[in-house]
């Protein structure tokens, strides 16, 4: 099995495979981006390291600020105190002018939310949110992505340890969004499953549409 720590090609379910693009193509469903978050930009260039899987993608009208607001309003998740300690990760992206150069558009997560518990209780569900690392001018093509997971907090070190399968919370969060947004669980597939930080991830990415009740 090829490691998920390299750039991977994703193909939409039932789509005809095509040559991998440097960014998401909604014309044929083929897209690429680094599957795992990175703790620093050096990891983006070297293809090593890696943290959480980017397991939900807000696709079409999925601009990050809008989806940040909708996630809070349309689910049981929300923003929390800025005094709570946070760790941050990068998402790696290239550009049309330098396809495959995954240090060109490296973005740090710009916000995060929690639900079903809290940092103060020691266990919670949590996600970080990233803008697309490859920009699009058209509103319909804008997208963002998150790394949904459940964790326990070791207060003595402020280490956040994954304690449940990634799939459990990918499904949980995205299905909550389905009350107002189009939802396709495990819509995009990659090559194989794996255990990340000791817990199962099936390697498939859930798609949540950006329109709210069909309206931008």
N, C-alpha and C. Protein backbone atom coordinates (compact mmCIF):
# COMPACT_ATOMS: atom_id res chain seq x y z
N UNK A 1 0.85 -1.20 0.00
CA UNK A 1 0.00 0.00 0.00
C UNK A 1 0.88 1.24 0.00
N UNK A 2 0.57 2.17 -0.89
CA UNK A 2 1.35 3.40 -0.93
C UNK A 2 1.00 4.27 0.27
N UNK A 3 2.00 4.93 0.80
CA UNK A 3 1.80 5.73 2.01
C UNK A 3 0.92 6.92 1.72
N UNK A 4 0.11 7.29 2.72
CA UNK A 4 -0.72 8.49 2.60
C UNK A 4 0.07 9.75 2.85
N UNK A 5 1.38 9.61 3.08
CA UNK A 5 2.20 10.78 3.34
C UNK A 5 2.75 11.39 2.06
N UNK A 6 2.35 10.88 0.90
CA UNK A 6 2.71 11.49 -0.36
C UNK A 6 1.47 12.11 -0.96
N UNK A 7 1.63 12.83 -2.06
CA UNK A 7 0.48 13.41 -2.73
C UNK A 7 -0.33 12.30 -3.36
N UNK A 8 -1.63 12.28 -3.13
CA UNK A 8 -2.49 11.21 -3.59
C UNK A 8 -3.52 11.75 -4.56
N UNK A 9 -3.93 10.91 -5.50
CA UNK A 9 -5.01 11.26 -6.42
C UNK A 9 -6.31 10.70 -5.90
N UNK A 10 -7.35 11.49 -5.91
CA UNK A 10 -8.66 11.08 -5.44
C UNK A 10 -9.61 11.06 -6.62
N UNK A 11 -10.46 10.05 -6.70
CA UNK A 11 -11.40 9.96 -7.80
C UNK A 11 -12.81 9.87 -7.23
N UNK A 12 -13.70 10.71 -7.70
CA UNK A 12 -15.08 10.70 -7.21
C UNK A 12 -15.72 9.36 -7.52
N UNK A 13 -16.60 8.90 -6.63
CA UNK A 13 -17.30 7.66 -6.79
C UNK A 13 -18.03 7.65 -8.13
N UNK A 14 -17.85 6.57 -8.89
CA UNK A 14 -18.48 6.35 -10.18
C UNK A 14 -17.97 7.28 -11.27
N UNK A 15 -16.97 8.08 -10.99
CA UNK A 15 -16.42 8.95 -12.02
C UNK A 15 -15.40 8.19 -12.85
N UNK A 16 -15.21 8.63 -14.09
CA UNK A 16 -14.20 8.02 -14.94
C UNK A 16 -12.85 8.58 -14.58
N UNK A 17 -11.85 7.74 -14.26
CA UNK A 17 -10.54 8.25 -13.89
C UNK A 17 -9.92 9.08 -15.01
N UNK A 18 -9.19 10.11 -14.61
CA UNK A 18 -8.50 10.95 -15.58
C UNK A 18 -7.14 11.29 -15.00
N UNK A 19 -6.32 11.98 -15.77
CA UNK A 19 -5.01 12.37 -15.29
C UNK A 19 -5.16 13.28 -14.07
N UNK A 20 -4.31 13.07 -13.09
CA UNK A 20 -4.41 13.83 -11.85
C UNK A 20 -4.14 15.30 -12.11
N UNK A 21 -4.91 16.14 -11.46
CA UNK A 21 -4.72 17.58 -11.56
C UNK A 21 -4.07 18.09 -10.30
N UNK A 22 -3.56 19.30 -10.36
CA UNK A 22 -2.93 19.89 -9.19
C UNK A 22 -3.94 20.38 -8.17
N UNK A 23 -5.21 20.43 -8.58
CA UNK A 23 -6.24 20.89 -7.66
C UNK A 23 -7.55 20.21 -8.02
N UNK A 24 -8.58 20.49 -7.24
CA UNK A 24 -9.85 19.81 -7.49
C UNK A 24 -10.44 20.22 -8.84
N UNK A 25 -10.88 19.23 -9.60
CA UNK A 25 -11.58 19.45 -10.86
C UNK A 25 -13.02 18.98 -10.71
N UNK A 26 -13.96 19.86 -10.84
CA UNK A 26 -15.34 19.42 -10.74
C UNK A 26 -15.87 18.92 -12.07
N UNK A 27 -15.06 19.00 -13.13
CA UNK A 27 -15.49 18.55 -14.44
C UNK A 27 -15.47 17.02 -14.56
N UNK A 28 -14.52 16.37 -13.92
CA UNK A 28 -14.47 14.91 -14.02
C UNK A 28 -14.24 14.21 -12.69
N UNK A 29 -14.22 14.96 -11.61
CA UNK A 29 -14.14 14.35 -10.30
C UNK A 29 -12.77 13.98 -9.82
N UNK A 30 -11.73 14.20 -10.64
CA UNK A 30 -10.39 13.83 -10.23
C UNK A 30 -9.70 15.02 -9.57
N UNK A 31 -9.08 14.77 -8.43
CA UNK A 31 -8.45 15.86 -7.71
C UNK A 31 -7.31 15.34 -6.85
N UNK A 32 -6.44 16.24 -6.46
CA UNK A 32 -5.31 15.85 -5.61
C UNK A 32 -5.09 16.89 -4.52
N UNK A 33 -4.71 16.43 -3.36
CA UNK A 33 -4.12 17.28 -2.34
C UNK A 33 -3.50 16.37 -1.29
N UNK A 34 -2.70 16.92 -0.46
CA UNK A 34 -2.06 16.09 0.56
C UNK A 34 -3.12 15.58 1.53
N UNK A 35 -3.09 14.29 1.75
CA UNK A 35 -4.17 13.67 2.53
C UNK A 35 -4.07 13.99 4.01
N UNK A 36 -2.85 14.16 4.52
CA UNK A 36 -2.67 14.45 5.95
C UNK A 36 -2.23 15.89 6.15
N UNK A 37 -2.68 16.47 7.26
CA UNK A 37 -2.19 17.80 7.63
C UNK A 37 -0.71 17.70 7.99
N UNK A 38 -0.03 18.83 7.95
CA UNK A 38 1.40 18.88 8.26
C UNK A 38 1.64 19.84 9.43
N UNK A 39 2.60 19.50 10.26
CA UNK A 39 2.88 20.34 11.42
C UNK A 39 3.74 21.55 11.07
N UNK A 40 4.42 21.51 9.92
CA UNK A 40 5.22 22.65 9.49
C UNK A 40 5.36 22.63 7.98
N UNK A 41 5.81 23.74 7.40
CA UNK A 41 5.89 23.84 5.95
C UNK A 41 7.01 23.01 5.36
N UNK A 42 8.03 22.68 6.15
CA UNK A 42 9.09 21.81 5.66
C UNK A 42 8.54 20.44 5.30
N UNK A 43 7.59 19.95 6.08
CA UNK A 43 6.95 18.67 5.77
C UNK A 43 6.21 18.71 4.44
N UNK A 44 5.68 19.87 4.07
CA UNK A 44 4.97 19.98 2.80
C UNK A 44 5.91 19.70 1.64
N UNK A 45 7.10 20.24 1.69
CA UNK A 45 8.05 20.05 0.61
C UNK A 45 8.65 18.66 0.56
N UNK A 46 8.83 18.04 1.72
CA UNK A 46 9.51 16.76 1.76
C UNK A 46 8.61 15.55 1.69
N UNK A 47 7.31 15.74 1.86
CA UNK A 47 6.40 14.61 1.79
C UNK A 47 6.46 13.69 2.99
N UNK A 48 7.03 14.18 4.10
CA UNK A 48 7.11 13.37 5.31
C UNK A 48 6.28 14.03 6.41
N UNK A 49 6.24 13.39 7.55
CA UNK A 49 5.43 13.93 8.64
C UNK A 49 3.96 13.68 8.37
N UNK A 50 3.13 14.49 8.95
CA UNK A 50 1.70 14.33 8.72
C UNK A 50 0.96 14.14 10.01
N UNK A 51 -0.24 14.66 10.06
CA UNK A 51 -1.03 14.59 11.27
C UNK A 51 -2.39 13.98 11.04
N UNK A 52 -3.41 14.84 10.96
CA UNK A 52 -4.79 14.37 10.84
C UNK A 52 -5.20 14.23 9.38
N UNK A 53 -6.10 13.31 9.08
CA UNK A 53 -6.63 13.22 7.72
C UNK A 53 -7.65 14.32 7.46
N UNK A 54 -7.60 14.91 6.28
CA UNK A 54 -8.61 15.87 5.86
C UNK A 54 -9.79 15.07 5.35
N UNK A 55 -10.81 14.86 6.20
CA UNK A 55 -11.81 13.85 5.89
C UNK A 55 -13.19 14.38 5.50
N UNK A 56 -13.39 15.70 5.56
CA UNK A 56 -14.63 16.30 5.05
C UNK A 56 -14.24 17.50 4.20
N UNK A 57 -14.83 17.60 3.02
CA UNK A 57 -14.55 18.70 2.12
C UNK A 57 -15.85 19.41 1.75
N UNK A 58 -15.87 20.74 1.96
CA UNK A 58 -17.01 21.56 1.60
C UNK A 58 -16.82 22.00 0.15
N UNK A 59 -17.56 21.36 -0.74
CA UNK A 59 -17.30 21.52 -2.17
C UNK A 59 -18.48 22.18 -2.88
N UNK A 60 -18.17 23.17 -3.70
CA UNK A 60 -19.08 24.04 -4.44
C UNK A 60 -19.78 25.00 -3.46
N UNK A 61 -19.52 26.28 -3.67
CA UNK A 61 -19.96 27.35 -2.76
C UNK A 61 -19.43 27.09 -1.34
N UNK A 62 -18.28 26.44 -1.25
CA UNK A 62 -17.76 26.02 0.05
C UNK A 62 -16.69 26.92 0.61
N UNK A 63 -16.76 28.20 0.37
CA UNK A 63 -15.76 29.15 0.89
C UNK A 63 -15.65 29.02 2.40
N UNK A 64 -14.45 29.09 2.92
CA UNK A 64 -14.18 28.75 4.30
C UNK A 64 -14.95 29.54 5.34
N UNK A 65 -15.02 30.86 5.20
CA UNK A 65 -15.72 31.67 6.20
C UNK A 65 -17.20 31.32 6.26
N UNK A 66 -17.82 31.12 5.09
CA UNK A 66 -19.23 30.74 5.06
C UNK A 66 -19.44 29.39 5.75
N UNK A 67 -18.61 28.43 5.42
CA UNK A 67 -18.80 27.09 5.97
C UNK A 67 -18.48 27.05 7.46
N UNK A 68 -17.59 27.90 7.90
CA UNK A 68 -17.31 28.04 9.33
C UNK A 68 -18.59 28.47 10.06
N UNK A 69 -19.29 29.45 9.50
CA UNK A 69 -20.53 29.93 10.10
C UNK A 69 -21.63 28.88 10.03
N UNK A 70 -21.74 28.20 8.89
CA UNK A 70 -22.78 27.19 8.74
C UNK A 70 -22.54 26.00 9.66
N UNK A 71 -21.29 25.62 9.84
CA UNK A 71 -20.99 24.50 10.73
C UNK A 71 -21.45 24.80 12.15
N UNK A 72 -21.28 26.04 12.57
CA UNK A 72 -21.73 26.42 13.91
C UNK A 72 -23.25 26.46 13.99
N UNK A 73 -23.89 26.98 12.95
CA UNK A 73 -25.34 27.18 12.99
C UNK A 73 -26.13 25.91 12.71
N UNK A 74 -25.58 25.03 11.89
CA UNK A 74 -26.35 23.89 11.38
C UNK A 74 -25.98 22.56 12.03
N UNK A 75 -25.15 22.57 13.05
CA UNK A 75 -24.73 21.33 13.71
C UNK A 75 -24.64 21.57 15.22
N UNK A 76 -24.30 20.52 15.95
CA UNK A 76 -24.14 20.63 17.40
C UNK A 76 -22.72 21.00 17.80
N UNK A 77 -22.00 21.65 16.89
CA UNK A 77 -20.63 22.08 17.12
C UNK A 77 -20.60 23.59 17.19
N UNK A 78 -19.51 24.17 17.69
CA UNK A 78 -19.44 25.61 17.75
C UNK A 78 -18.08 26.11 18.18
N UNK A 79 -17.92 27.42 18.12
CA UNK A 79 -16.68 28.06 18.53
C UNK A 79 -16.58 28.07 20.06
N UNK A 80 -15.38 28.20 20.56
CA UNK A 80 -15.15 28.17 22.01
C UNK A 80 -14.10 29.19 22.39
N UNK A 81 -13.86 29.32 23.66
CA UNK A 81 -13.04 30.39 24.20
C UNK A 81 -11.65 30.47 23.54
N UNK A 82 -11.25 31.69 23.22
CA UNK A 82 -9.93 31.90 22.66
C UNK A 82 -8.81 31.70 23.67
N UNK A 83 -9.14 31.56 24.94
CA UNK A 83 -8.11 31.32 25.96
C UNK A 83 -7.69 29.85 26.03
N UNK A 84 -8.47 28.97 25.41
CA UNK A 84 -8.14 27.54 25.41
C UNK A 84 -6.89 27.31 24.55
N UNK A 85 -5.89 26.58 25.04
CA UNK A 85 -4.68 26.31 24.24
C UNK A 85 -5.03 25.56 22.95
N UNK A 86 -4.36 25.92 21.87
CA UNK A 86 -4.61 25.31 20.58
C UNK A 86 -3.31 24.89 19.92
N UNK A 87 -3.39 23.83 19.14
CA UNK A 87 -2.29 23.46 18.26
C UNK A 87 -2.75 23.69 16.83
N UNK A 88 -1.81 23.91 15.92
CA UNK A 88 -2.16 24.27 14.56
C UNK A 88 -1.40 23.40 13.56
N UNK A 89 -2.02 23.18 12.40
CA UNK A 89 -1.42 22.40 11.33
C UNK A 89 -1.55 23.16 10.01
N UNK A 90 -0.75 22.72 9.03
CA UNK A 90 -0.79 23.29 7.70
C UNK A 90 -1.47 22.34 6.71
N UNK A 91 -2.04 22.92 5.66
CA UNK A 91 -2.46 22.16 4.49
C UNK A 91 -1.57 22.64 3.35
N UNK A 92 -1.14 21.72 2.49
CA UNK A 92 -0.17 22.02 1.45
C UNK A 92 -0.83 22.14 0.09
N UNK A 93 -0.46 23.14 -0.68
CA UNK A 93 -1.04 23.33 -2.00
C UNK A 93 -0.06 23.87 -3.01
N UNK A 94 -0.37 23.64 -4.29
CA UNK A 94 0.48 24.16 -5.36
C UNK A 94 -0.26 25.27 -6.11
N UNK A 95 0.11 25.52 -7.35
CA UNK A 95 -0.53 26.56 -8.15
C UNK A 95 -0.51 26.14 -9.61
N UNK A 96 -1.29 26.85 -10.44
CA UNK A 96 -1.26 26.58 -11.87
C UNK A 96 0.12 26.81 -12.45
N UNK A 97 0.85 27.81 -11.89
CA UNK A 97 2.17 28.14 -12.40
C UNK A 97 3.26 27.18 -11.96
N UNK A 98 2.98 26.38 -10.96
CA UNK A 98 3.98 25.42 -10.46
C UNK A 98 3.25 24.18 -9.97
N UNK A 99 2.77 23.40 -10.90
CA UNK A 99 2.01 22.20 -10.57
C UNK A 99 2.91 21.19 -9.84
N UNK A 100 2.45 20.71 -8.70
CA UNK A 100 3.23 19.75 -7.92
C UNK A 100 4.19 20.38 -6.93
N UNK A 101 4.25 21.72 -6.92
CA UNK A 101 5.11 22.42 -5.95
C UNK A 101 4.29 22.67 -4.69
N UNK A 102 4.31 21.75 -3.77
CA UNK A 102 3.39 21.81 -2.64
C UNK A 102 3.90 22.67 -1.48
N UNK A 103 4.76 23.62 -1.78
CA UNK A 103 5.13 24.62 -0.78
C UNK A 103 4.72 26.02 -1.23
N UNK A 104 4.00 26.12 -2.33
CA UNK A 104 3.63 27.42 -2.89
C UNK A 104 2.48 28.06 -2.11
N UNK A 105 1.47 27.27 -1.78
CA UNK A 105 0.29 27.79 -1.11
C UNK A 105 0.00 27.02 0.17
N UNK A 106 0.88 27.14 1.12
CA UNK A 106 0.70 26.43 2.39
C UNK A 106 -0.14 27.30 3.33
N UNK A 107 -1.27 26.75 3.78
CA UNK A 107 -2.16 27.50 4.65
C UNK A 107 -2.22 26.87 6.04
N UNK A 108 -2.14 27.72 7.05
CA UNK A 108 -2.41 27.30 8.42
C UNK A 108 -3.92 27.33 8.65
N UNK A 109 -4.41 26.39 9.46
CA UNK A 109 -5.84 26.42 9.77
C UNK A 109 -6.22 27.79 10.34
N UNK A 110 -7.37 28.31 9.91
CA UNK A 110 -7.73 29.66 10.31
C UNK A 110 -8.76 29.69 11.42
N UNK A 111 -9.38 28.55 11.74
CA UNK A 111 -10.33 28.52 12.85
C UNK A 111 -10.56 27.06 13.23
N UNK A 112 -11.28 26.85 14.32
CA UNK A 112 -11.63 25.48 14.73
C UNK A 112 -12.90 25.52 15.57
N UNK A 113 -13.53 24.37 15.72
CA UNK A 113 -14.74 24.25 16.52
C UNK A 113 -14.70 22.93 17.30
N UNK A 114 -15.53 22.85 18.33
CA UNK A 114 -15.65 21.63 19.12
C UNK A 114 -17.13 21.33 19.36
N UNK A 115 -17.40 20.09 19.77
CA UNK A 115 -18.77 19.71 20.08
C UNK A 115 -18.79 18.41 20.85
N UNK A 116 -19.95 18.08 21.44
CA UNK A 116 -20.11 16.80 22.13
C UNK A 116 -19.01 16.61 23.18
N UNK A 117 -18.91 17.57 24.06
CA UNK A 117 -17.84 17.64 25.06
C UNK A 117 -17.14 18.97 24.92
N UNK A 118 -16.08 19.17 25.68
CA UNK A 118 -15.32 20.42 25.57
C UNK A 118 -13.91 20.20 26.09
N UNK A 119 -13.06 21.16 25.78
CA UNK A 119 -11.69 21.11 26.29
C UNK A 119 -11.70 21.04 27.81
N UNK A 120 -12.63 21.71 28.46
CA UNK A 120 -12.66 21.77 29.91
C UNK A 120 -13.04 20.44 30.55
N UNK A 121 -13.78 19.61 29.84
CA UNK A 121 -14.16 18.30 30.40
C UNK A 121 -13.14 17.22 30.10
N UNK A 122 -12.20 17.51 29.20
CA UNK A 122 -11.13 16.56 28.93
C UNK A 122 -11.36 15.65 27.74
N UNK A 123 -12.58 15.57 27.22
CA UNK A 123 -12.85 14.85 25.98
C UNK A 123 -13.80 15.68 25.13
N UNK A 124 -13.63 15.59 23.83
CA UNK A 124 -14.46 16.38 22.92
C UNK A 124 -14.27 15.88 21.49
N UNK A 125 -15.22 16.25 20.64
CA UNK A 125 -15.00 16.16 19.20
C UNK A 125 -14.51 17.53 18.73
N UNK A 126 -13.72 17.52 17.66
CA UNK A 126 -13.00 18.73 17.30
C UNK A 126 -12.69 18.71 15.81
N UNK A 127 -12.63 19.89 15.19
CA UNK A 127 -12.07 19.98 13.84
C UNK A 127 -11.38 21.32 13.65
N UNK A 128 -10.36 21.29 12.79
CA UNK A 128 -9.73 22.51 12.30
C UNK A 128 -10.25 22.78 10.89
N UNK A 129 -10.17 24.03 10.46
CA UNK A 129 -10.74 24.43 9.18
C UNK A 129 -9.69 25.17 8.35
N UNK A 130 -9.59 24.77 7.07
CA UNK A 130 -8.62 25.36 6.14
C UNK A 130 -9.31 25.92 4.91
N UNK A 131 -8.81 27.07 4.44
CA UNK A 131 -9.16 27.52 3.10
C UNK A 131 -8.52 26.59 2.09
N UNK A 132 -9.10 26.51 0.89
CA UNK A 132 -8.48 25.75 -0.19
C UNK A 132 -7.06 26.28 -0.45
N UNK A 133 -6.07 25.40 -0.56
CA UNK A 133 -4.71 25.87 -0.81
C UNK A 133 -4.47 26.23 -2.27
N UNK A 134 -5.49 26.08 -3.09
CA UNK A 134 -5.39 26.47 -4.49
C UNK A 134 -6.62 27.28 -4.82
N UNK A 135 -6.46 28.56 -5.07
CA UNK A 135 -7.58 29.47 -5.17
C UNK A 135 -8.41 29.32 -6.42
N UNK A 136 -9.67 29.75 -6.33
CA UNK A 136 -10.59 29.78 -7.47
C UNK A 136 -11.33 31.11 -7.44
N UNK A 137 -11.49 31.72 -8.62
CA UNK A 137 -12.16 33.01 -8.70
C UNK A 137 -13.67 32.88 -8.59
N UNK A 138 -14.22 31.84 -9.19
CA UNK A 138 -15.67 31.67 -9.21
C UNK A 138 -16.18 31.21 -7.84
N UNK A 139 -17.29 31.81 -7.40
CA UNK A 139 -17.86 31.46 -6.09
C UNK A 139 -18.23 29.99 -6.02
N UNK A 140 -18.77 29.46 -7.12
CA UNK A 140 -19.22 28.08 -7.10
C UNK A 140 -18.05 27.11 -6.92
N UNK A 141 -16.85 27.50 -7.33
CA UNK A 141 -15.69 26.61 -7.26
C UNK A 141 -14.93 26.70 -5.94
N UNK A 142 -15.29 27.63 -5.10
CA UNK A 142 -14.54 27.79 -3.84
C UNK A 142 -14.85 26.62 -2.90
N UNK A 143 -13.81 26.20 -2.16
CA UNK A 143 -13.97 25.07 -1.24
C UNK A 143 -13.08 25.24 -0.03
N UNK A 144 -13.37 24.45 0.99
CA UNK A 144 -12.57 24.41 2.22
C UNK A 144 -12.64 23.00 2.77
N UNK A 145 -11.83 22.70 3.77
CA UNK A 145 -11.74 21.33 4.26
C UNK A 145 -11.45 21.30 5.76
N UNK A 146 -11.81 20.20 6.41
CA UNK A 146 -11.63 20.05 7.85
C UNK A 146 -11.10 18.65 8.19
N UNK A 147 -10.64 18.50 9.42
CA UNK A 147 -10.10 17.22 9.92
C UNK A 147 -10.90 16.78 11.16
N UNK A 148 -12.08 16.25 10.96
CA UNK A 148 -12.96 15.92 12.08
C UNK A 148 -12.42 14.73 12.87
N UNK A 149 -12.44 14.85 14.21
CA UNK A 149 -11.92 13.77 15.06
C UNK A 149 -12.46 13.90 16.47
N UNK A 150 -12.22 12.88 17.29
CA UNK A 150 -12.55 12.91 18.72
C UNK A 150 -11.26 12.71 19.49
N UNK A 151 -11.11 13.42 20.61
CA UNK A 151 -9.83 13.39 21.32
C UNK A 151 -10.03 13.55 22.82
N UNK A 152 -9.03 13.10 23.54
CA UNK A 152 -8.95 13.38 24.96
C UNK A 152 -7.76 14.29 25.18
N UNK A 153 -7.85 15.13 26.19
CA UNK A 153 -6.81 16.12 26.46
C UNK A 153 -6.05 15.73 27.70
N UNK A 154 -4.73 15.66 27.57
CA UNK A 154 -3.85 15.43 28.71
C UNK A 154 -3.44 16.81 29.22
N UNK A 155 -4.05 17.25 30.30
CA UNK A 155 -3.87 18.64 30.74
C UNK A 155 -2.45 18.94 31.19
N UNK A 156 -1.73 17.95 31.68
CA UNK A 156 -0.36 18.20 32.15
C UNK A 156 0.58 18.58 31.01
N UNK A 157 0.27 18.11 29.81
CA UNK A 157 1.12 18.40 28.65
C UNK A 157 0.38 19.14 27.55
N UNK A 158 -0.93 19.28 27.69
CA UNK A 158 -1.80 19.87 26.67
C UNK A 158 -1.73 19.09 25.35
N UNK A 159 -1.45 17.81 25.44
CA UNK A 159 -1.45 16.95 24.25
C UNK A 159 -2.87 16.46 24.00
N UNK A 160 -3.30 16.54 22.76
CA UNK A 160 -4.62 16.06 22.37
C UNK A 160 -4.45 14.70 21.71
N UNK A 161 -5.00 13.65 22.31
CA UNK A 161 -4.83 12.29 21.84
C UNK A 161 -6.12 11.78 21.21
N UNK A 162 -6.04 11.32 19.97
CA UNK A 162 -7.19 10.71 19.31
C UNK A 162 -7.62 9.49 20.10
N UNK A 163 -8.94 9.34 20.32
CA UNK A 163 -9.39 8.21 21.14
C UNK A 163 -10.59 7.46 20.53
N UNK A 164 -10.99 7.82 19.31
CA UNK A 164 -12.05 7.09 18.62
C UNK A 164 -11.73 7.07 17.12
N UNK A 165 -12.35 6.14 16.39
CA UNK A 165 -12.10 6.05 14.96
C UNK A 165 -12.45 7.35 14.25
N UNK A 166 -11.63 7.70 13.27
CA UNK A 166 -11.86 8.89 12.47
C UNK A 166 -13.22 8.83 11.76
N UNK A 167 -13.59 7.62 11.31
CA UNK A 167 -14.84 7.47 10.56
C UNK A 167 -16.07 7.83 11.40
N UNK A 168 -16.01 7.53 12.70
CA UNK A 168 -17.16 7.81 13.57
C UNK A 168 -17.53 9.28 13.53
N UNK A 169 -16.54 10.13 13.58
CA UNK A 169 -16.82 11.56 13.69
C UNK A 169 -16.89 12.25 12.35
N UNK A 170 -16.25 11.69 11.33
CA UNK A 170 -16.48 12.16 9.97
C UNK A 170 -17.96 12.01 9.62
N UNK A 171 -18.52 10.85 9.93
CA UNK A 171 -19.94 10.60 9.65
C UNK A 171 -20.83 11.46 10.56
N UNK A 172 -20.49 11.52 11.83
CA UNK A 172 -21.32 12.22 12.80
C UNK A 172 -21.49 13.69 12.43
N UNK A 173 -20.37 14.37 12.22
CA UNK A 173 -20.45 15.80 11.90
C UNK A 173 -21.15 16.03 10.57
N UNK A 174 -20.71 15.34 9.54
CA UNK A 174 -21.23 15.62 8.20
C UNK A 174 -22.71 15.29 8.09
N UNK A 175 -23.18 14.25 8.81
CA UNK A 175 -24.60 13.92 8.77
C UNK A 175 -25.43 14.99 9.47
N UNK A 176 -24.87 15.65 10.47
CA UNK A 176 -25.58 16.77 11.10
C UNK A 176 -25.78 17.92 10.10
N UNK A 177 -24.81 18.12 9.24
CA UNK A 177 -24.91 19.18 8.24
C UNK A 177 -25.97 18.87 7.19
N UNK A 178 -26.35 17.59 7.08
CA UNK A 178 -27.27 17.17 6.02
C UNK A 178 -28.67 17.74 6.17
N UNK A 179 -29.01 18.30 7.32
CA UNK A 179 -30.34 18.89 7.49
C UNK A 179 -30.53 20.13 6.61
N UNK A 180 -29.42 20.77 6.24
CA UNK A 180 -29.51 21.99 5.41
C UNK A 180 -28.60 21.98 4.19
N UNK A 181 -27.72 20.99 4.10
CA UNK A 181 -26.74 20.94 3.02
C UNK A 181 -26.78 19.59 2.33
N UNK A 182 -26.46 19.58 1.03
CA UNK A 182 -26.30 18.30 0.35
C UNK A 182 -25.14 17.54 1.00
N UNK A 183 -25.30 16.23 1.06
CA UNK A 183 -24.34 15.41 1.82
C UNK A 183 -24.11 14.10 1.10
N UNK A 184 -22.83 13.80 0.84
CA UNK A 184 -22.44 12.54 0.22
C UNK A 184 -21.34 11.91 1.08
N UNK A 185 -21.71 10.99 1.92
CA UNK A 185 -20.72 10.35 2.80
C UNK A 185 -19.77 9.49 1.96
N UNK A 186 -18.47 9.59 2.26
CA UNK A 186 -17.44 8.83 1.55
C UNK A 186 -17.55 8.99 0.04
N UNK A 187 -17.76 10.20 -0.41
CA UNK A 187 -17.97 10.48 -1.84
C UNK A 187 -16.71 10.25 -2.66
N UNK A 188 -15.56 10.74 -2.16
CA UNK A 188 -14.30 10.56 -2.86
C UNK A 188 -13.50 9.43 -2.21
N UNK A 189 -12.86 8.63 -3.03
CA UNK A 189 -12.09 7.50 -2.52
C UNK A 189 -10.62 7.64 -2.90
N UNK A 190 -9.75 7.14 -2.05
CA UNK A 190 -8.33 7.07 -2.38
C UNK A 190 -7.88 5.62 -2.26
N UNK A 191 -6.61 5.38 -2.26
CA UNK A 191 -6.09 4.02 -2.28
C UNK A 191 -5.99 3.45 -0.87
N UNK A 192 -7.00 2.72 -0.46
CA UNK A 192 -6.91 1.93 0.75
C UNK A 192 -7.16 2.67 2.05
N UNK A 193 -7.38 1.88 3.09
CA UNK A 193 -7.59 2.38 4.44
C UNK A 193 -6.28 2.34 5.21
N UNK A 194 -6.27 2.92 6.38
CA UNK A 194 -5.13 2.79 7.27
C UNK A 194 -5.55 3.18 8.69
N UNK A 195 -4.65 2.90 9.62
CA UNK A 195 -4.85 3.30 11.01
C UNK A 195 -3.94 4.49 11.28
N UNK A 196 -4.53 5.61 11.62
CA UNK A 196 -3.80 6.84 11.89
C UNK A 196 -3.89 7.16 13.37
N UNK A 197 -2.72 7.29 13.99
CA UNK A 197 -2.65 7.53 15.44
C UNK A 197 -3.40 6.43 16.19
N UNK A 198 -3.41 5.23 15.61
CA UNK A 198 -3.99 4.07 16.27
C UNK A 198 -5.45 3.83 16.01
N UNK A 199 -6.09 4.66 15.16
CA UNK A 199 -7.52 4.52 14.93
C UNK A 199 -7.84 4.50 13.43
N UNK A 200 -8.93 3.84 13.10
CA UNK A 200 -9.26 3.50 11.72
C UNK A 200 -9.74 4.70 10.91
N UNK A 201 -9.22 4.79 9.68
CA UNK A 201 -9.70 5.74 8.69
C UNK A 201 -9.83 4.98 7.38
N UNK A 202 -10.99 5.05 6.73
CA UNK A 202 -11.22 4.23 5.53
C UNK A 202 -10.66 4.83 4.26
N UNK A 203 -10.08 6.03 4.35
CA UNK A 203 -9.46 6.63 3.19
C UNK A 203 -10.42 7.30 2.24
N UNK A 204 -11.69 7.38 2.58
CA UNK A 204 -12.67 8.04 1.73
C UNK A 204 -13.06 9.38 2.32
N UNK A 205 -13.34 10.34 1.45
CA UNK A 205 -13.57 11.71 1.86
C UNK A 205 -15.05 12.05 1.67
N UNK A 206 -15.65 12.65 2.68
CA UNK A 206 -17.06 13.03 2.62
C UNK A 206 -17.21 14.42 2.00
N UNK A 207 -18.20 14.55 1.13
CA UNK A 207 -18.49 15.82 0.48
C UNK A 207 -19.73 16.45 1.11
N UNK A 208 -19.62 17.71 1.52
CA UNK A 208 -20.75 18.50 2.01
C UNK A 208 -20.88 19.73 1.12
N UNK A 209 -22.05 19.91 0.53
CA UNK A 209 -22.26 21.05 -0.37
C UNK A 209 -22.32 22.37 0.38
N UNK A 210 -21.91 23.44 -0.28
CA UNK A 210 -21.88 24.74 0.36
C UNK A 210 -23.21 25.46 0.39
N UNK A 211 -24.14 25.10 -0.48
CA UNK A 211 -25.43 25.79 -0.48
C UNK A 211 -26.25 25.42 0.76
N UNK A 212 -26.95 26.39 1.31
CA UNK A 212 -27.79 26.20 2.48
C UNK A 212 -29.25 26.17 2.04
N UNK A 213 -29.88 25.00 2.16
CA UNK A 213 -31.24 24.81 1.66
C UNK A 213 -31.34 25.23 0.19
N UNK A 214 -30.29 24.95 -0.56
CA UNK A 214 -30.27 25.23 -1.98
C UNK A 214 -29.98 26.66 -2.36
N UNK A 215 -29.64 27.49 -1.38
CA UNK A 215 -29.43 28.93 -1.62
C UNK A 215 -28.04 29.32 -1.16
N UNK A 216 -27.37 30.19 -1.92
CA UNK A 216 -26.04 30.68 -1.52
C UNK A 216 -26.19 31.71 -0.41
